[in-house]
C-alpha atoms as a PDB file:
ATOM      1  CA  MET A   1      98.680  91.035 203.076  1.00  0.00           C
ATOM      2  CA  ILE A   2      95.741  92.623 201.261  1.00  0.00           C
ATOM      3  CA  ASP A   3      93.681  89.461 201.680  1.00  0.00           C
ATOM      4  CA  MET A   4      94.509  89.283 205.372  1.00  0.00           C
ATOM      5  CA  SER A   5      93.470  92.919 205.911  1.00  0.00           C
ATOM      6  CA  TRP A   6      90.180  92.296 204.107  1.00  0.00           C
ATOM      7  CA  LYS A   7      89.516  89.161 206.143  1.00  0.00           C
ATOM      8  CA  ILE A   8      90.136  90.997 209.425  1.00  0.00           C
ATOM      9  CA  PHE A   9      87.905  93.888 208.337  1.00  0.00           C
ATOM     10  CA  SER A  10      85.103  91.673 207.073  1.00  0.00           C
ATOM     11  CA  GLN A  11      85.061  89.623 210.269  1.00  0.00           C
ATOM     12  CA  THR A  12      85.478  92.442 212.784  1.00  0.00           C
ATOM     13  CA  GLY A  13      84.365  95.645 211.069  1.00  0.00           C
ATOM     14  CA  ASN A  14      87.583  97.226 212.358  1.00  0.00           C
ATOM     15  CA  ILE A  15      88.049 100.539 210.541  1.00  0.00           C
ATOM     16  CA  GLU A  16      91.826 100.428 211.016  1.00  0.00           C
ATOM     17  CA  ALA A  17      91.964  97.138 209.101  1.00  0.00           C
ATOM     18  CA  TYR A  18      89.933  98.770 206.317  1.00  0.00           C
ATOM     19  CA  LEU A  19      92.231 101.793 206.185  1.00  0.00           C
ATOM     20  CA  LEU A  20      95.257  99.486 206.057  1.00  0.00           C
ATOM     21  CA  LEU A  21      93.609  97.580 203.211  1.00  0.00           C
ATOM     22  CA  LYS A  22      93.068 100.780 201.223  1.00  0.00           C
ATOM     23  CA  GLU A  23      96.632 101.945 201.842  1.00  0.00           C
ATOM     24  CA  LEU A  24      98.023  98.593 200.701  1.00  0.00           C
ATOM     25  CA  GLU A  25      95.856  98.683 197.563  1.00  0.00           C
ATOM     26  CA  THR A  26      97.157 102.158 196.735  1.00  0.00           C
ATOM     27  CA  VAL A  27     100.783 101.098 197.180  1.00  0.00           C
ATOM     28  CA  TYR A  28     100.202  97.929 195.153  1.00  0.00           C
ATOM     29  CA  ASP A  29      98.546  99.858 192.316  1.00  0.00           C
ATOM     30  CA  LYS A  30     101.425 102.342 192.155  1.00  0.00           C
ATOM     31  CA  ASP A  31     104.022  99.553 192.186  1.00  0.00           C
ATOM     32  CA  SER A  32     102.286  97.519 189.501  1.00  0.00           C
ATOM     33  CA  GLY A  33     101.831 100.610 187.324  1.00  0.00           C
ATOM     34  CA  ALA A  34     105.511 101.506 187.596  1.00  0.00           C
ATOM     35  CA  GLN A  35     106.491  97.932 186.804  1.00  0.00           C
ATOM     36  CA  MET A  36     104.212  97.890 183.764  1.00  0.00           C
ATOM     37  CA  ASP A  37     105.715 101.161 182.479  1.00  0.00           C
ATOM     38  CA  LYS A  38     109.199  99.683 182.873  1.00  0.00           C
ATOM     39  CA  GLU A  39     108.237  96.527 180.956  1.00  0.00           C
ATOM     40  CA  ILE A  40     106.648  98.527 178.124  1.00  0.00           C
ATOM     41  CA  THR A  41     109.771 100.672 177.841  1.00  0.00           C
ATOM     42  CA  GLU A  42     111.940  97.554 177.653  1.00  0.00           C
ATOM     43  CA  ILE A  43     109.744  96.016 174.956  1.00  0.00           C
ATOM     44  CA  ASP A  44     109.762  99.245 172.934  1.00  0.00           C
ATOM     45  CA  SER A  45     113.554  99.433 173.091  1.00  0.00           C
ATOM     46  CA  HIS A  46     113.801  95.947 171.589  1.00  0.00           C
ATOM     47  CA  LEU A  47     111.550  96.773 168.642  1.00  0.00           C
END
């Protein structure tokens, strides 16, 4: 979805596609950070 938003923005210059891209990046970063914290906690509990 992020790649598609970037492609639309880069081809059209549509600001709404750019804003969608930034929103998706923010959500993705938060999700990946939460997942990483969960994995670290699981690893620590096994040590």
